[in-house]
Amino acid sequence: MALVFDVITNLFRKRATVLYPEERKEEPGTFRGVLGFERSLCIGCGLCWRVCPASAIEASRDEKGARPVFHLDRCIYCYLCVEVCPRKAIKASSRRAPAVEDKRKLEVS
């Protein structure tokens, strides 16, 4: 009998979840998304890959010199690289990392 009572009371109770994807909750103000990188501002100083605690940034060379390559599969989104960049070439965003099968698609360069 208690089960019937529980079923009836739960039928008229407000739902506990949202109907995703029709209803979406707002991201919290502290949400940290993927990193953005502007190559034209980068001077190749190497501070970002030295300060990264997860070793998610590696040094690479191109025609303009040294530059960072960000591996989002290793990134812990601490944003230390954003804070330490002297030219503000690394930008914070609220964009989510895509779901991919190939880890090479999670590189930002």
PDB file of N, CA and C in Angstrom:
ATOM      1  N   MET A   1       0.818  -1.198   0.000  1.00  0.00           N
ATOM      2  CA  MET A   1       0.000   0.000   0.000  1.00  0.00           C
ATOM      3  C   MET A   1       0.864   1.265   0.000  1.00  0.00           C
ATOM      4  N   ALA A   2       2.003   1.198   0.669  1.00  0.00           N
ATOM      5  CA  ALA A   2       2.883   2.361   0.707  1.00  0.00           C
ATOM      6  C   ALA A   2       3.426   2.675  -0.683  1.00  0.00           C
ATOM      7  N   LEU A   3       3.642   1.646  -1.479  1.00  0.00           N
ATOM      8  CA  LEU A   3       4.144   1.849  -2.833  1.00  0.00           C
ATOM      9  C   LEU A   3       3.133   2.610  -3.681  1.00  0.00           C
ATOM     10  N   VAL A   4       1.889   2.289  -3.579  1.00  0.00           N
ATOM     11  CA  VAL A   4       0.838   2.973  -4.329  1.00  0.00           C
ATOM     12  C   VAL A   4       0.778   4.441  -3.908  1.00  0.00           C
ATOM     13  N   PHE A   5       0.894   4.689  -2.628  1.00  0.00           N
ATOM     14  CA  PHE A   5       0.888   6.069  -2.117  1.00  0.00           C
ATOM     15  C   PHE A   5       2.077   6.860  -2.684  1.00  0.00           C
ATOM     16  N   ASP A   6       3.263   6.251  -2.721  1.00  0.00           N
ATOM     17  CA  ASP A   6       4.440   6.918  -3.267  1.00  0.00           C
ATOM     18  C   ASP A   6       4.284   7.223  -4.756  1.00  0.00           C
ATOM     19  N   VAL A   7       3.728   6.295  -5.500  1.00  0.00           N
ATOM     20  CA  VAL A   7       3.528   6.498  -6.935  1.00  0.00           C
ATOM     21  C   VAL A   7       2.567   7.652  -7.174  1.00  0.00           C
ATOM     22  N   ILE A   8       1.481   7.697  -6.455  1.00  0.00           N
ATOM     23  CA  ILE A   8       0.482   8.754  -6.643  1.00  0.00           C
ATOM     24  C   ILE A   8       1.050  10.117  -6.256  1.00  0.00           C
ATOM     25  N   THR A   9       1.786  10.192  -5.162  1.00  0.00           N
ATOM     26  CA  THR A   9       2.356  11.494  -4.758  1.00  0.00           C
ATOM     27  C   THR A   9       3.426  11.959  -5.742  1.00  0.00           C
ATOM     28  N   ASN A  10       4.187  11.044  -6.312  1.00  0.00           N
ATOM     29  CA  ASN A  10       5.221  11.436  -7.269  1.00  0.00           C
ATOM     30  C   ASN A  10       4.654  11.826  -8.628  1.00  0.00           C
ATOM     31  N   LEU A  11       3.446  11.387  -8.949  1.00  0.00           N
ATOM     32  CA  LEU A  11       2.815  11.781 -10.206  1.00  0.00           C
ATOM     33  C   LEU A  11       2.533  13.283 -10.241  1.00  0.00           C
ATOM     34  N   PHE A  12       2.233  13.869  -9.107  1.00  0.00           N
ATOM     35  CA  PHE A  12       1.851  15.275  -9.054  1.00  0.00           C
ATOM     36  C   PHE A  12       2.966  16.188  -8.574  1.00  0.00           C
ATOM     37  N   ARG A  13       4.141  15.644  -8.350  1.00  0.00           N
ATOM     38  CA  ARG A  13       5.289  16.416  -7.904  1.00  0.00           C
ATOM     39  C   ARG A  13       5.982  17.063  -9.102  1.00  0.00           C
ATOM     40  N   LYS A  14       6.589  18.216  -8.870  1.00  0.00           N
ATOM     41  CA  LYS A  14       7.342  18.893  -9.923  1.00  0.00           C
ATOM     42  C   LYS A  14       8.546  18.031 -10.315  1.00  0.00           C
ATOM     43  N   ARG A  15       8.868  17.977 -11.617  1.00  0.00           N
ATOM     44  CA  ARG A  15       9.978  17.130 -12.062  1.00  0.00           C
ATOM     45  C   ARG A  15      11.312  17.669 -11.549  1.00  0.00           C
ATOM     46  N   ALA A  16      12.250  16.763 -11.346  1.00  0.00           N
ATOM     47  CA  ALA A  16      13.549  17.122 -10.772  1.00  0.00           C
ATOM     48  C   ALA A  16      14.604  17.420 -11.838  1.00  0.00           C
ATOM     49  N   THR A  17      14.350  17.084 -13.078  1.00  0.00           N
ATOM     50  CA  THR A  17      15.335  17.285 -14.142  1.00  0.00           C
ATOM     51  C   THR A  17      14.779  18.218 -15.212  1.00  0.00           C
ATOM     52  N   VAL A  18      15.655  18.702 -16.087  1.00  0.00           N
ATOM     53  CA  VAL A  18      15.218  19.539 -17.203  1.00  0.00           C
ATOM     54  C   VAL A  18      15.102  18.674 -18.446  1.00  0.00           C
ATOM     55  N   LEU A  19      14.306  19.114 -19.394  1.00  0.00           N
ATOM     56  CA  LEU A  19      14.122  18.373 -20.640  1.00  0.00           C
ATOM     57  C   LEU A  19      15.186  18.795 -21.639  1.00  0.00           C
ATOM     58  N   TYR A  20      16.356  18.198 -21.513  1.00  0.00           N
ATOM     59  CA  TYR A  20      17.473  18.512 -22.381  1.00  0.00           C
ATOM     60  C   TYR A  20      17.240  17.866 -23.733  1.00  0.00           C
ATOM     61  N   PRO A  21      17.496  18.471 -24.844  1.00  0.00           N
ATOM     62  CA  PRO A  21      18.163  19.738 -25.125  1.00  0.00           C
ATOM     63  C   PRO A  21      17.201  20.916 -25.267  1.00  0.00           C
ATOM     64  N   GLU A  22      15.888  20.705 -25.119  1.00  0.00           N
ATOM     65  CA  GLU A  22      14.952  21.823 -25.259  1.00  0.00           C
ATOM     66  C   GLU A  22      15.179  22.876 -24.179  1.00  0.00           C
ATOM     67  N   GLU A  23      15.437  22.431 -22.971  1.00  0.00           N
ATOM     68  CA  GLU A  23      15.725  23.339 -21.865  1.00  0.00           C
ATOM     69  C   GLU A  23      17.189  23.162 -21.484  1.00  0.00           C
ATOM     70  N   ARG A  24      17.922  24.250 -21.450  1.00  0.00           N
ATOM     71  CA  ARG A  24      19.333  24.179 -21.071  1.00  0.00           C
ATOM     72  C   ARG A  24      19.592  25.109 -19.907  1.00  0.00           C
ATOM     73  N   LYS A  25      20.431  24.648 -19.009  1.00  0.00           N
ATOM     74  CA  LYS A  25      20.829  25.498 -17.898  1.00  0.00           C
ATOM     75  C   LYS A  25      21.977  26.391 -18.339  1.00  0.00           C
ATOM     76  N   GLU A  26      22.055  27.557 -17.752  1.00  0.00           N
ATOM     77  CA  GLU A  26      23.151  28.478 -18.038  1.00  0.00           C
ATOM     78  C   GLU A  26      24.443  27.951 -17.432  1.00  0.00           C
ATOM     79  N   GLU A  27      25.550  28.236 -18.105  1.00  0.00           N
ATOM     80  CA  GLU A  27      26.854  27.862 -17.564  1.00  0.00           C
ATOM     81  C   GLU A  27      27.126  28.699 -16.319  1.00  0.00           C
ATOM     82  N   PRO A  28      27.755  28.113 -15.313  1.00  0.00           N
ATOM     83  CA  PRO A  28      28.106  28.924 -14.141  1.00  0.00           C
ATOM     84  C   PRO A  28      29.159  29.964 -14.517  1.00  0.00           C
ATOM     85  N   GLY A  29      29.235  31.029 -13.774  1.00  0.00           N
ATOM     86  CA  GLY A  29      30.181  32.095 -14.062  1.00  0.00           C
ATOM     87  C   GLY A  29      31.627  31.660 -13.957  1.00  0.00           C
ATOM     88  N   THR A  30      31.875  30.551 -13.292  1.00  0.00           N
ATOM     89  CA  THR A  30      33.243  30.062 -13.120  1.00  0.00           C
ATOM     90  C   THR A  30      33.630  29.013 -14.152  1.00  0.00           C
ATOM     91  N   PHE A  31      32.791  28.768 -15.159  1.00  0.00           N
ATOM     92  CA  PHE A  31      33.077  27.757 -16.170  1.00  0.00           C
ATOM     93  C   PHE A  31      34.301  28.157 -16.987  1.00  0.00           C
ATOM     94  N   ARG A  32      35.218  27.221 -17.193  1.00  0.00           N
ATOM     95  CA  ARG A  32      36.426  27.465 -17.977  1.00  0.00           C
ATOM     96  C   ARG A  32      36.384  26.608 -19.235  1.00  0.00           C
ATOM     97  N   GLY A  33      36.369  27.255 -20.372  1.00  0.00           N
ATOM     98  CA  GLY A  33      36.308  26.553 -21.640  1.00  0.00           C
ATOM     99  C   GLY A  33      37.676  26.354 -22.257  1.00  0.00           C
ATOM    100  N   VAL A  34      37.672  25.946 -23.520  1.00  0.00           N
ATOM    101  CA  VAL A  34      38.933  25.661 -24.219  1.00  0.00           C
ATOM    102  C   VAL A  34      39.727  26.952 -24.435  1.00  0.00           C
ATOM    103  N   LEU A  35      41.001  26.794 -24.626  1.00  0.00           N
ATOM    104  CA  LEU A  35      41.893  27.930 -24.826  1.00  0.00           C
ATOM    105  C   LEU A  35      41.841  28.410 -26.263  1.00  0.00           C
ATOM    106  N   GLY A  36      41.969  29.710 -26.426  1.00  0.00           N
ATOM    107  CA  GLY A  36      42.116  30.292 -27.746  1.00  0.00           C
ATOM    108  C   GLY A  36      43.553  30.772 -27.893  1.00  0.00           C
ATOM    109  N   PHE A  37      44.084  30.760 -29.097  1.00  0.00           N
ATOM    110  CA  PHE A  37      45.472  31.146 -29.303  1.00  0.00           C
ATOM    111  C   PHE A  37      45.575  32.006 -30.550  1.00  0.00           C
ATOM    112  N   GLU A  38      46.251  33.146 -30.425  1.00  0.00           N
ATOM    113  CA  GLU A  38      46.485  34.032 -31.543  1.00  0.00           C
ATOM    114  C   GLU A  38      47.971  34.047 -31.870  1.00  0.00           C
ATOM    115  N   ARG A  39      48.347  33.414 -32.955  1.00  0.00           N
ATOM    116  CA  ARG A  39      49.754  33.246 -33.322  1.00  0.00           C
ATOM    117  C   ARG A  39      50.433  34.586 -33.583  1.00  0.00           C
ATOM    118  N   SER A  40      49.692  35.550 -34.099  1.00  0.00           N
ATOM    119  CA  SER A  40      50.311  36.837 -34.436  1.00  0.00           C
ATOM    120  C   SER A  40      50.801  37.588 -33.196  1.00  0.00           C
ATOM    121  N   LEU A  41      50.230  37.317 -32.029  1.00  0.00           N
ATOM    122  CA  LEU A  41      50.650  37.978 -30.798  1.00  0.00           C
ATOM    123  C   LEU A  41      51.768  37.234 -30.074  1.00  0.00           C
ATOM    124  N   CYS A  42      51.957  35.960 -30.383  1.00  0.00           N
ATOM    125  CA  CYS A  42      52.923  35.120 -29.665  1.00  0.00           C
ATOM    126  C   CYS A  42      54.352  35.500 -30.039  1.00  0.00           C
ATOM    127  N   ILE A  43      55.210  35.652 -29.016  1.00  0.00           N
ATOM    128  CA  ILE A  43      56.612  35.973 -29.259  1.00  0.00           C
ATOM    129  C   ILE A  43      57.515  34.762 -29.023  1.00  0.00           C
ATOM    130  N   GLY A  44      56.931  33.623 -28.661  1.00  0.00           N
ATOM    131  CA  GLY A  44      57.706  32.400 -28.481  1.00  0.00           C
ATOM    132  C   GLY A  44      58.571  32.399 -27.236  1.00  0.00           C
ATOM    133  N   CYS A  45      58.125  33.052 -26.175  1.00  0.00           N
ATOM    134  CA  CYS A  45      58.948  33.169 -24.965  1.00  0.00           C
ATOM    135  C   CYS A  45      59.046  31.851 -24.191  1.00  0.00           C
ATOM    136  N   GLY A  46      58.055  30.973 -24.319  1.00  0.00           N
ATOM    137  CA  GLY A  46      58.092  29.676 -23.653  1.00  0.00           C
ATOM    138  C   GLY A  46      57.578  29.662 -22.234  1.00  0.00           C
ATOM    139  N   LEU A  47      57.068  30.765 -21.743  1.00  0.00           N
ATOM    140  CA  LEU A  47      56.554  30.789 -20.379  1.00  0.00           C
ATOM    141  C   LEU A  47      55.355  29.858 -20.210  1.00  0.00           C
ATOM    142  N   CYS A  48      54.506  29.776 -21.210  1.00  0.00           N
ATOM    143  CA  CYS A  48      53.289  28.976 -21.090  1.00  0.00           C
ATOM    144  C   CYS A  48      53.602  27.494 -20.918  1.00  0.00           C
ATOM    145  N   TRP A  49      54.526  26.955 -21.711  1.00  0.00           N
ATOM    146  CA  TRP A  49      54.795  25.523 -21.569  1.00  0.00           C
ATOM    147  C   TRP A  49      55.660  25.215 -20.357  1.00  0.00           C
ATOM    148  N   ARG A  50      56.365  26.203 -19.831  1.00  0.00           N
ATOM    149  CA  ARG A  50      57.125  25.976 -18.595  1.00  0.00           C
ATOM    150  C   ARG A  50      56.237  25.971 -17.370  1.00  0.00           C
ATOM    151  N   VAL A  51      55.162  26.746 -17.389  1.00  0.00           N
ATOM    152  CA  VAL A  51      54.308  26.887 -16.215  1.00  0.00           C
ATOM    153  C   VAL A  51      53.174  25.841 -16.184  1.00  0.00           C
ATOM    154  N   CYS A  52      52.913  25.167 -17.262  1.00  0.00           N
ATOM    155  CA  CYS A  52      51.785  24.221 -17.342  1.00  0.00           C
ATOM    156  C   CYS A  52      52.009  23.016 -16.429  1.00  0.00           C
ATOM    157  N   PRO A  53      51.151  22.812 -15.397  1.00  0.00           N
ATOM    158  CA  PRO A  53      51.348  21.700 -14.469  1.00  0.00           C
ATOM    159  C   PRO A  53      50.996  20.343 -15.068  1.00  0.00           C
ATOM    160  N   ALA A  54      50.212  20.316 -16.138  1.00  0.00           N
ATOM    161  CA  ALA A  54      49.775  19.053 -16.740  1.00  0.00           C
ATOM    162  C   ALA A  54      50.609  18.672 -17.961  1.00  0.00           C
ATOM    163  N   SER A  55      51.603  19.455 -18.294  1.00  0.00           N
ATOM    164  CA  SER A  55      52.413  19.252 -19.502  1.00  0.00           C
ATOM    165  C   SER A  55      51.531  19.130 -20.747  1.00  0.00           C
ATOM    166  N   ALA A  56      50.513  19.977 -20.798  1.00  0.00           N
ATOM    167  CA  ALA A  56      49.580  19.967 -21.920  1.00  0.00           C
ATOM    168  C   ALA A  56      50.028  20.876 -23.048  1.00  0.00           C
ATOM    169  N   ILE A  57      51.123  21.605 -22.847  1.00  0.00           N
ATOM    170  CA  ILE A  57      51.625  22.520 -23.869  1.00  0.00           C
ATOM    171  C   ILE A  57      53.032  22.078 -24.253  1.00  0.00           C
ATOM    172  N   GLU A  58      53.254  21.945 -25.537  1.00  0.00           N
ATOM    173  CA  GLU A  58      54.596  21.571 -25.985  1.00  0.00           C
ATOM    174  C   GLU A  58      55.114  22.634 -26.944  1.00  0.00           C
ATOM    175  N   ALA A  59      56.428  22.749 -26.992  1.00  0.00           N
ATOM    176  CA  ALA A  59      57.069  23.721 -27.871  1.00  0.00           C
ATOM    177  C   ALA A  59      57.152  23.155 -29.278  1.00  0.00           C
ATOM    178  N   SER A  60      56.892  24.011 -30.230  1.00  0.00           N
ATOM    179  CA  SER A  60      56.983  23.622 -31.626  1.00  0.00           C
ATOM    180  C   SER A  60      57.637  24.771 -32.387  1.00  0.00           C
ATOM    181  N   ARG A  61      58.153  24.507 -33.550  1.00  0.00           N
ATOM    182  CA  ARG A  61      58.785  25.550 -34.362  1.00  0.00           C
ATOM    183  C   ARG A  61      58.029  25.674 -35.681  1.00  0.00           C
ATOM    184  N   ASP A  62      57.898  26.891 -36.141  1.00  0.00           N
ATOM    185  CA  ASP A  62      57.379  27.155 -37.475  1.00  0.00           C
ATOM    186  C   ASP A  62      58.214  28.271 -38.099  1.00  0.00           C
ATOM    187  N   GLU A  63      57.742  28.840 -39.184  1.00  0.00           N
ATOM    188  CA  GLU A  63      58.536  29.849 -39.883  1.00  0.00           C
ATOM    189  C   GLU A  63      58.777  31.111 -39.055  1.00  0.00           C
ATOM    190  N   LYS A  64      57.933  31.365 -38.049  1.00  0.00           N
ATOM    191  CA  LYS A  64      58.096  32.555 -37.213  1.00  0.00           C
ATOM    192  C   LYS A  64      58.889  32.271 -35.944  1.00  0.00           C
ATOM    193  N   GLY A  65      59.289  31.033 -35.726  1.00  0.00           N
ATOM    194  CA  GLY A  65      60.050  30.679 -34.526  1.00  0.00           C
ATOM    195  C   GLY A  65      59.282  29.732 -33.621  1.00  0.00           C
ATOM    196  N   ALA A  66      59.591  29.792 -32.331  1.00  0.00           N
ATOM    197  CA  ALA A  66      58.946  28.896 -31.362  1.00  0.00           C
ATOM    198  C   ALA A  66      57.494  29.303 -31.146  1.00  0.00           C
ATOM    199  N   ARG A  67      56.661  28.305 -30.938  1.00  0.00           N
ATOM    200  CA  ARG A  67      55.252  28.546 -30.638  1.00  0.00           C
ATOM    201  C   ARG A  67      54.723  27.388 -29.818  1.00  0.00           C
ATOM    202  N   PRO A  68      53.671  27.606 -29.041  1.00  0.00           N
ATOM    203  CA  PRO A  68      53.092  26.523 -28.246  1.00  0.00           C
ATOM    204  C   PRO A  68      52.045  25.727 -29.038  1.00  0.00           C
ATOM    205  N   VAL A  69      51.926  24.455 -28.711  1.00  0.00           N
ATOM    206  CA  VAL A  69      50.850  23.609 -29.210  1.00  0.00           C
ATOM    207  C   VAL A  69      50.122  23.082 -27.979  1.00  0.00           C
ATOM    208  N   PHE A  70      48.836  23.352 -27.881  1.00  0.00           N
ATOM    209  CA  PHE A  70      48.033  22.983 -26.722  1.00  0.00           C
ATOM    210  C   PHE A  70      47.330  21.659 -26.974  1.00  0.00           C
ATOM    211  N   HIS A  71      47.481  20.720 -26.063  1.00  0.00           N
ATOM    212  CA  HIS A  71      46.811  19.423 -26.142  1.00  0.00           C
ATOM    213  C   HIS A  71      45.649  19.441 -25.159  1.00  0.00           C
ATOM    214  N   LEU A  72      44.443  19.624 -25.672  1.00  0.00           N
ATOM    215  CA  LEU A  72      43.270  19.775 -24.813  1.00  0.00           C
ATOM    216  C   LEU A  72      42.895  18.486 -24.099  1.00  0.00           C
ATOM    217  N   ASP A  73      43.368  17.348 -24.599  1.00  0.00           N
ATOM    218  CA  ASP A  73      43.073  16.096 -23.902  1.00  0.00           C
ATOM    219  C   ASP A  73      43.861  15.977 -22.601  1.00  0.00           C
ATOM    220  N   ARG A  74      44.920  16.735 -22.450  1.00  0.00           N
ATOM    221  CA  ARG A  74      45.716  16.731 -21.214  1.00  0.00           C
ATOM    222  C   ARG A  74      45.450  17.956 -20.344  1.00  0.00           C
ATOM    223  N   CYS A  75      44.865  18.982 -20.904  1.00  0.00           N
ATOM    224  CA  CYS A  75      44.669  20.261 -20.219  1.00  0.00           C
ATOM    225  C   CYS A  75      43.727  20.111 -19.024  1.00  0.00           C
ATOM    226  N   ILE A  76      44.104  20.723 -17.893  1.00  0.00           N
ATOM    227  CA  ILE A  76      43.254  20.697 -16.703  1.00  0.00           C
ATOM    228  C   ILE A  76      42.547  22.041 -16.509  1.00  0.00           C
ATOM    229  N   TYR A  77      42.661  22.936 -17.488  1.00  0.00           N
ATOM    230  CA  TYR A  77      41.975  24.222 -17.506  1.00  0.00           C
ATOM    231  C   TYR A  77      42.252  25.059 -16.264  1.00  0.00           C
ATOM    232  N   CYS A  78      43.498  25.083 -15.860  1.00  0.00           N
ATOM    233  CA  CYS A  78      43.904  25.906 -14.720  1.00  0.00           C
ATOM    234  C   CYS A  78      44.118  27.354 -15.143  1.00  0.00           C
ATOM    235  N   TYR A  79      44.329  27.582 -16.430  1.00  0.00           N
ATOM    236  CA  TYR A  79      44.523  28.900 -17.033  1.00  0.00           C
ATOM    237  C   TYR A  79      45.780  29.614 -16.546  1.00  0.00           C
ATOM    238  N   LEU A  80      46.755  28.864 -16.053  1.00  0.00           N
ATOM    239  CA  LEU A  80      48.023  29.492 -15.687  1.00  0.00           C
ATOM    240  C   LEU A  80      48.705  30.073 -16.918  1.00  0.00           C
ATOM    241  N   CYS A  81      48.565  29.394 -18.045  1.00  0.00           N
ATOM    242  CA  CYS A  81      49.178  29.876 -19.283  1.00  0.00           C
ATOM    243  C   CYS A  81      48.557  31.205 -19.719  1.00  0.00           C
ATOM    244  N   VAL A  82      47.271  31.377 -19.494  1.00  0.00           N
ATOM    245  CA  VAL A  82      46.594  32.625 -19.835  1.00  0.00           C
ATOM    246  C   VAL A  82      47.137  33.759 -18.973  1.00  0.00           C
ATOM    247  N   GLU A  83      47.335  33.467 -17.694  1.00  0.00           N
ATOM    248  CA  GLU A  83      47.809  34.493 -16.761  1.00  0.00           C
ATOM    249  C   GLU A  83      49.265  34.883 -17.013  1.00  0.00           C
ATOM    250  N   VAL A  84      50.097  33.928 -17.421  1.00  0.00           N
ATOM    251  CA  VAL A  84      51.531  34.188 -17.548  1.00  0.00           C
ATOM    252  C   VAL A  84      51.919  34.773 -18.908  1.00  0.00           C
ATOM    253  N   CYS A  85      51.071  34.677 -19.902  1.00  0.00           N
ATOM    254  CA  CYS A  85      51.411  35.139 -21.252  1.00  0.00           C
ATOM    255  C   CYS A  85      51.600  36.661 -21.265  1.00  0.00           C
ATOM    256  N   PRO A  86      52.809  37.143 -21.607  1.00  0.00           N
ATOM    257  CA  PRO A  86      53.063  38.587 -21.555  1.00  0.00           C
ATOM    258  C   PRO A  86      52.360  39.377 -22.655  1.00  0.00           C
ATOM    259  N   ARG A  87      52.043  38.744 -23.772  1.00  0.00           N
ATOM    260  CA  ARG A  87      51.403  39.433 -24.898  1.00  0.00           C
ATOM    261  C   ARG A  87      49.923  39.134 -25.013  1.00  0.00           C
ATOM    262  N   LYS A  88      49.391  38.358 -24.088  1.00  0.00           N
ATOM    263  CA  LYS A  88      47.968  37.963 -24.083  1.00  0.00           C
ATOM    264  C   LYS A  88      47.574  37.251 -25.374  1.00  0.00           C
ATOM    265  N   ALA A  89      48.473  36.383 -25.857  1.00  0.00           N
ATOM    266  CA  ALA A  89      48.199  35.609 -27.067  1.00  0.00           C
ATOM    267  C   ALA A  89      47.301  34.420 -26.762  1.00  0.00           C
ATOM    268  N   ILE A  90      47.268  33.997 -25.503  1.00  0.00           N
ATOM    269  CA  ILE A  90      46.413  32.879 -25.092  1.00  0.00           C
ATOM    270  C   ILE A  90      45.185  33.468 -24.426  1.00  0.00           C
ATOM    271  N   LYS A  91      44.029  33.094 -24.909  1.00  0.00           N
ATOM    272  CA  LYS A  91      42.781  33.677 -24.433  1.00  0.00           C
ATOM    273  C   LYS A  91      41.895  32.612 -23.788  1.00  0.00           C
ATOM    274  N   ALA A  92      41.167  33.027 -22.769  1.00  0.00           N
ATOM    275  CA  ALA A  92      40.178  32.168 -22.134  1.00  0.00           C
ATOM    276  C   ALA A  92      38.878  32.264 -22.928  1.00  0.00           C
ATOM    277  N   SER A  93      38.108  31.194 -22.930  1.00  0.00           N
ATOM    278  CA  SER A  93      36.818  31.221 -23.617  1.00  0.00           C
ATOM    279  C   SER A  93      35.812  30.394 -22.836  1.00  0.00           C
ATOM    280  N   SER A  94      34.576  30.485 -23.253  1.00  0.00           N
ATOM    281  CA  SER A  94      33.529  29.677 -22.623  1.00  0.00           C
ATOM    282  C   SER A  94      33.061  28.572 -23.570  1.00  0.00           C
ATOM    283  N   ARG A  95      33.832  28.318 -24.612  1.00  0.00           N
ATOM    284  CA  ARG A  95      33.497  27.287 -25.591  1.00  0.00           C
ATOM    285  C   ARG A  95      33.902  25.918 -25.054  1.00  0.00           C
ATOM    286  N   ARG A  96      33.066  24.926 -25.233  1.00  0.00           N
ATOM    287  CA  ARG A  96      33.356  23.568 -24.770  1.00  0.00           C
ATOM    288  C   ARG A  96      34.256  22.839 -25.761  1.00  0.00           C
ATOM    289  N   ALA A  97      35.050  21.916 -25.239  1.00  0.00           N
ATOM    290  CA  ALA A  97      35.882  21.077 -26.106  1.00  0.00           C
ATOM    291  C   ALA A  97      34.975  20.085 -26.838  1.00  0.00           C
ATOM    292  N   PRO A  98      35.205  19.869 -28.121  1.00  0.00           N
ATOM    293  CA  PRO A  98      34.352  18.949 -28.868  1.00  0.00           C
ATOM    294  C   PRO A  98      34.618  17.488 -28.489  1.00  0.00           C
ATOM    295  N   ALA A  99      33.624  16.668 -28.676  1.00  0.00           N
ATOM    296  CA  ALA A  99      33.782  15.232 -28.471  1.00  0.00           C
ATOM    297  C   ALA A  99      34.321  14.645 -29.774  1.00  0.00           C
ATOM    298  N   VAL A 100      35.517  14.077 -29.714  1.00  0.00           N
ATOM    299  CA  VAL A 100      36.167  13.552 -30.910  1.00  0.00           C
ATOM    300  C   VAL A 100      36.723  12.159 -30.634  1.00  0.00           C
ATOM    301  N   GLU A 101      36.942  11.415 -31.701  1.00  0.00           N
ATOM    302  CA  GLU A 101      37.543  10.096 -31.573  1.00  0.00           C
ATOM    303  C   GLU A 101      39.059  10.153 -31.708  1.00  0.00           C
ATOM    304  N   ASP A 102      39.547  11.126 -32.447  1.00  0.00           N
ATOM    305  CA  ASP A 102      40.977  11.260 -32.695  1.00  0.00           C
ATOM    306  C   ASP A 102      41.538  12.389 -31.827  1.00  0.00           C
ATOM    307  N   LYS A 103      42.490  12.078 -30.943  1.00  0.00           N
ATOM    308  CA  LYS A 103      43.054  13.068 -30.021  1.00  0.00           C
ATOM    309  C   LYS A 103      43.771  14.192 -30.747  1.00  0.00           C
ATOM    310  N   ARG A 104      44.228  13.945 -31.955  1.00  0.00           N
ATOM    311  CA  ARG A 104      44.941  14.991 -32.697  1.00  0.00           C
ATOM    312  C   ARG A 104      44.025  16.164 -33.033  1.00  0.00           C
ATOM    313  N   LYS A 105      42.721  15.931 -33.023  1.00  0.00           N
ATOM    314  CA  LYS A 105      41.774  17.018 -33.281  1.00  0.00           C
ATOM    315  C   LYS A 105      41.597  17.921 -32.067  1.00  0.00           C
ATOM    316  N   LEU A 106      42.164  17.532 -30.933  1.00  0.00           N
ATOM    317  CA  LEU A 106      42.097  18.339 -29.712  1.00  0.00           C
ATOM    318  C   LEU A 106      43.355  19.187 -29.524  1.00  0.00           C
ATOM    319  N   GLU A 107      44.056  19.469 -30.595  1.00  0.00           N
ATOM    320  CA  GLU A 107      45.237  20.314 -30.534  1.00  0.00           C
ATOM    321  C   GLU A 107      44.882  21.727 -30.988  1.00  0.00           C
ATOM    322  N   VAL A 108      45.328  22.703 -30.220  1.00  0.00           N
ATOM    323  CA  VAL A 108      45.165  24.105 -30.585  1.00  0.00           C
ATOM    324  C   VAL A 108      46.555  24.637 -30.869  1.00  0.00           C
ATOM    325  N   SER A 109      46.756  25.131 -32.067  1.00  0.00           N
ATOM    326  CA  SER A 109      48.075  25.669 -32.407  1.00  0.00           C
ATOM    327  C   SER A 109      47.933  26.968 -33.166  1.00  0.00           C
TER     328      SER A 109
END
